[in-house]
Each structure stands twice: as structure tokens, then as C-alpha cells.
């Protein structure tokens, strides 16, 4: 009977650890989703300074044409782009320890830096990392066009 109680205790402790892990994952999903919503807000308000502090110093962006840029170039492009509308769809966050992968859809209309109007529907993937100070930062982002 004693060994049964030990196994019960081990099982309960394991369940407790799983519950704590799920709670931490849920909190991370909410935190990263909130950061993604700040990113959307930065587009809706044409103010990339809102999201700039949440991008890693070595941030890499791969755009729909396959062009790869860093944080400075991406923010400069975002400042020169004017959004008339921007919305997310189907945002999901998957957590892997101190890394979170966020995916979703993006529909937007506006004017490119060249002055050309755009109406786009994209799928995006963002990689977020919890830095040593506990702050989440996006270190990579990629967008692909959705074809009808």
C-alpha cells in the first residue's frame, strides 16, 4: 500500500507540474498575442515607433518578394508606408520554451512608399524570443502573399 501512495504522490506532482507549465504557456501566448496586437496598432496608426522597442537588434525581415532587411530598413519602410486599413485574422501562438512562433493572416490597403496603392492579403510568421531580462522580442518576421 505504501508504494501505491508514493506513485499517487508522484502522479499528483507530475500533474501539478503540467498545470504550472500549461499556465506559463497560456501566459506566454497572451503576452505574445498582445505584442502582435501592438504591431497591428502601429500599422493602423502609421506609427512604427510603437513596435520598434519590441524588435530585436538583429531582427530579420523577409518580405513578400523575398528581400531580406534588418530592423532599421524595415522600420524606415514602415514609416514611409501609409495604411488606410489593416487587420489580422487567425492569429495563433505556439510556445517552445523561451521561443514563441506567431502566425496569422493580414489584410491591408494603403499606399507604398513609392506612392503606388496596394491591397494585400498576406500570411505571416513571427519568431519571438524571451530575452535574458524577461522581455519578449521579435527576432524574425516573414510574409507571403495569399493567392485567391
Protein backbone atom coordinates (compact mmCIF):
# COMPACT_ATOMS: atom_id res chain seq x y z
CA UNK A 1 0.00 0.00 0.00
CA UNK A 2 2.88 2.38 0.74
CA UNK A 3 4.25 2.08 -2.81
CA UNK A 4 0.79 2.88 -4.21
CA UNK A 5 0.69 6.12 -2.21
CA UNK A 6 4.18 7.03 -3.40
CA UNK A 7 3.06 6.54 -7.00
CA UNK A 8 -0.07 8.60 -6.28
CA UNK A 9 2.13 11.37 -4.93
CA UNK A 10 4.44 11.18 -7.96
CA UNK A 11 1.40 11.34 -10.24
CA UNK A 12 -0.05 14.34 -8.44
CA UNK A 13 3.28 16.16 -8.51
CA UNK A 14 3.59 15.46 -12.22
CA UNK A 15 0.08 16.74 -12.80
CA UNK A 16 0.87 19.86 -10.78
CA UNK A 17 3.99 20.50 -12.88
CA UNK A 18 1.98 20.05 -16.05
CA UNK A 19 -0.64 22.51 -14.81
CA UNK A 20 2.06 25.08 -14.00
CA UNK A 21 3.65 24.56 -17.42
CA UNK A 22 0.28 24.99 -19.16
CA UNK A 23 -0.38 28.16 -17.16
CA UNK A 24 3.04 29.55 -18.16
CA UNK A 25 2.37 28.63 -21.80
CA UNK A 26 -1.03 30.35 -21.64
CA UNK A 27 0.56 33.48 -20.16
CA UNK A 28 3.21 33.49 -22.89
CA UNK A 29 0.60 33.06 -25.62
CA UNK A 30 -1.32 36.04 -24.21
CA UNK A 31 1.84 38.16 -23.91
CA UNK A 32 2.98 37.45 -27.48
CA UNK A 33 -0.54 37.92 -28.86
CA UNK A 34 -0.64 41.30 -27.11
CA UNK A 35 2.67 42.26 -28.74
CA UNK A 36 1.29 41.23 -32.14
CA UNK A 37 -1.74 43.46 -31.50
CA UNK A 38 0.65 46.36 -30.75
CA UNK A 39 2.29 45.66 -34.10
CA UNK A 40 -1.10 45.82 -35.83
CA UNK A 41 -1.88 49.06 -33.97
CA UNK A 42 1.42 50.50 -35.20
CA UNK A 43 0.26 49.80 -38.75
CA UNK A 44 -3.27 51.12 -38.24
CA UNK A 45 -1.88 54.37 -36.82
CA UNK A 46 1.04 54.58 -39.28
CA UNK A 47 3.40 54.72 -36.30
CA UNK A 48 6.12 52.03 -36.41
CA UNK A 49 7.75 53.58 -33.32
CA UNK A 50 5.10 51.66 -31.33
CA UNK A 51 6.61 48.28 -32.28
CA UNK A 52 10.29 49.31 -32.60
CA UNK A 53 11.19 48.56 -28.94
CA UNK A 54 9.85 45.01 -29.35
CA UNK A 55 12.08 44.15 -32.32
CA UNK A 56 15.46 42.59 -31.57
CA UNK A 57 18.60 44.48 -32.53
CA UNK A 58 19.45 41.71 -35.03
CA UNK A 59 15.84 41.48 -36.31
CA UNK A 60 15.49 39.99 -39.80
CA UNK A 61 12.52 40.64 -42.08
CA UNK A 62 11.81 38.67 -45.25
CA UNK A 63 9.20 40.44 -47.37
CA UNK A 64 6.76 39.06 -49.94
CA UNK A 65 9.36 39.45 -52.71
CA UNK A 66 11.99 37.52 -50.75
CA UNK A 67 14.01 40.63 -49.94
CA UNK A 68 15.75 40.38 -46.56
CA UNK A 69 16.21 43.52 -44.45
CA UNK A 70 17.14 44.37 -40.89
CA UNK A 71 15.33 46.33 -38.22
CA UNK A 72 16.39 49.80 -39.40
CA UNK A 73 15.41 49.21 -43.03
CA UNK A 74 12.11 47.57 -42.14
CA UNK A 75 11.13 50.43 -39.80
CA UNK A 76 12.09 53.04 -42.42
CA UNK A 77 9.92 51.26 -44.98
CA UNK A 78 7.06 51.04 -42.48
CA UNK A 79 7.30 54.79 -41.76
CA UNK A 80 7.03 55.56 -45.47
CA UNK A 81 4.05 53.21 -45.96
CA UNK A 82 0.60 54.67 -45.31
CA UNK A 83 -2.13 52.24 -44.26
CA UNK A 84 -5.78 53.10 -44.89
CA UNK A 85 -6.85 49.83 -43.26
CA UNK A 86 -5.11 46.89 -41.60
CA UNK A 87 -6.48 43.80 -39.88
CA UNK A 88 -5.27 40.44 -38.63
CA UNK A 89 -7.03 37.13 -38.94
CA UNK A 90 -6.46 33.70 -37.45
CA UNK A 91 -3.62 34.72 -35.08
CA UNK A 92 -2.05 31.72 -33.33
CA UNK A 93 0.91 31.48 -30.96
CA UNK A 94 2.84 28.28 -30.27
CA UNK A 95 5.30 28.26 -27.37
CA UNK A 96 8.56 26.30 -27.27
CA UNK A 97 10.32 27.21 -24.01
CA UNK A 98 11.75 30.73 -24.41
CA UNK A 99 10.67 30.92 -28.04
CA UNK A 100 7.21 31.59 -29.45
CA UNK A 101 6.09 31.34 -33.06
CA UNK A 102 3.17 33.58 -34.00
CA UNK A 103 1.29 33.13 -37.27
CA UNK A 104 -1.67 34.83 -38.83
CA UNK A 105 -3.25 36.50 -41.80
CA UNK A 106 -3.02 40.18 -42.69
CA UNK A 107 -5.30 42.21 -44.92
CA UNK A 108 -4.39 45.80 -45.65
CA UNK A 109 -4.94 48.69 -48.04
CA UNK A 110 -2.84 51.77 -48.37
CA UNK A 111 -0.04 53.46 -50.26
CA UNK A 112 3.51 52.15 -50.73
CA UNK A 113 6.50 54.48 -50.18
CA UNK A 114 6.63 54.93 -53.99
CA UNK A 115 3.08 56.32 -53.92
CA UNK A 116 1.55 53.22 -55.54
CA UNK A 117 -1.66 51.98 -53.88
CA UNK A 118 -1.78 48.43 -52.54
CA UNK A 119 -4.47 45.99 -51.47
CA UNK A 120 -2.82 42.93 -49.97
CA UNK A 121 -3.69 39.68 -48.26
CA UNK A 122 -0.69 38.02 -46.59
CA UNK A 123 0.20 35.18 -44.24
CA UNK A 124 2.95 35.99 -41.75
CA UNK A 125 5.18 34.14 -39.31
CA UNK A 126 6.98 35.92 -36.47
CA UNK A 127 9.61 34.39 -34.18
CA UNK A 128 9.67 35.80 -30.66
CA UNK A 129 12.39 35.09 -28.07
CA UNK A 130 12.29 35.78 -24.34
CA UNK A 131 15.49 37.69 -23.70
CA UNK A 132 17.63 37.38 -20.56
CA UNK A 133 15.82 40.31 -18.89
CA UNK A 134 12.47 38.57 -19.41
CA UNK A 135 11.39 40.88 -22.27
CA UNK A 136 9.91 39.28 -25.40
CA UNK A 137 11.39 40.49 -28.69
CA UNK A 138 10.62 39.57 -32.26
CA UNK A 139 13.84 38.40 -33.93
CA UNK A 140 12.48 37.35 -37.34
CA UNK A 141 9.41 38.00 -39.44
CA UNK A 142 8.35 36.68 -42.83
CA UNK A 143 5.35 37.44 -45.05
CA UNK A 144 3.94 35.57 -48.02
CA UNK A 145 1.11 36.60 -50.35
CA UNK A 146 -2.16 34.70 -50.20
CA UNK A 147 -3.29 33.92 -53.71
CA UNK A 148 -7.02 33.67 -54.40
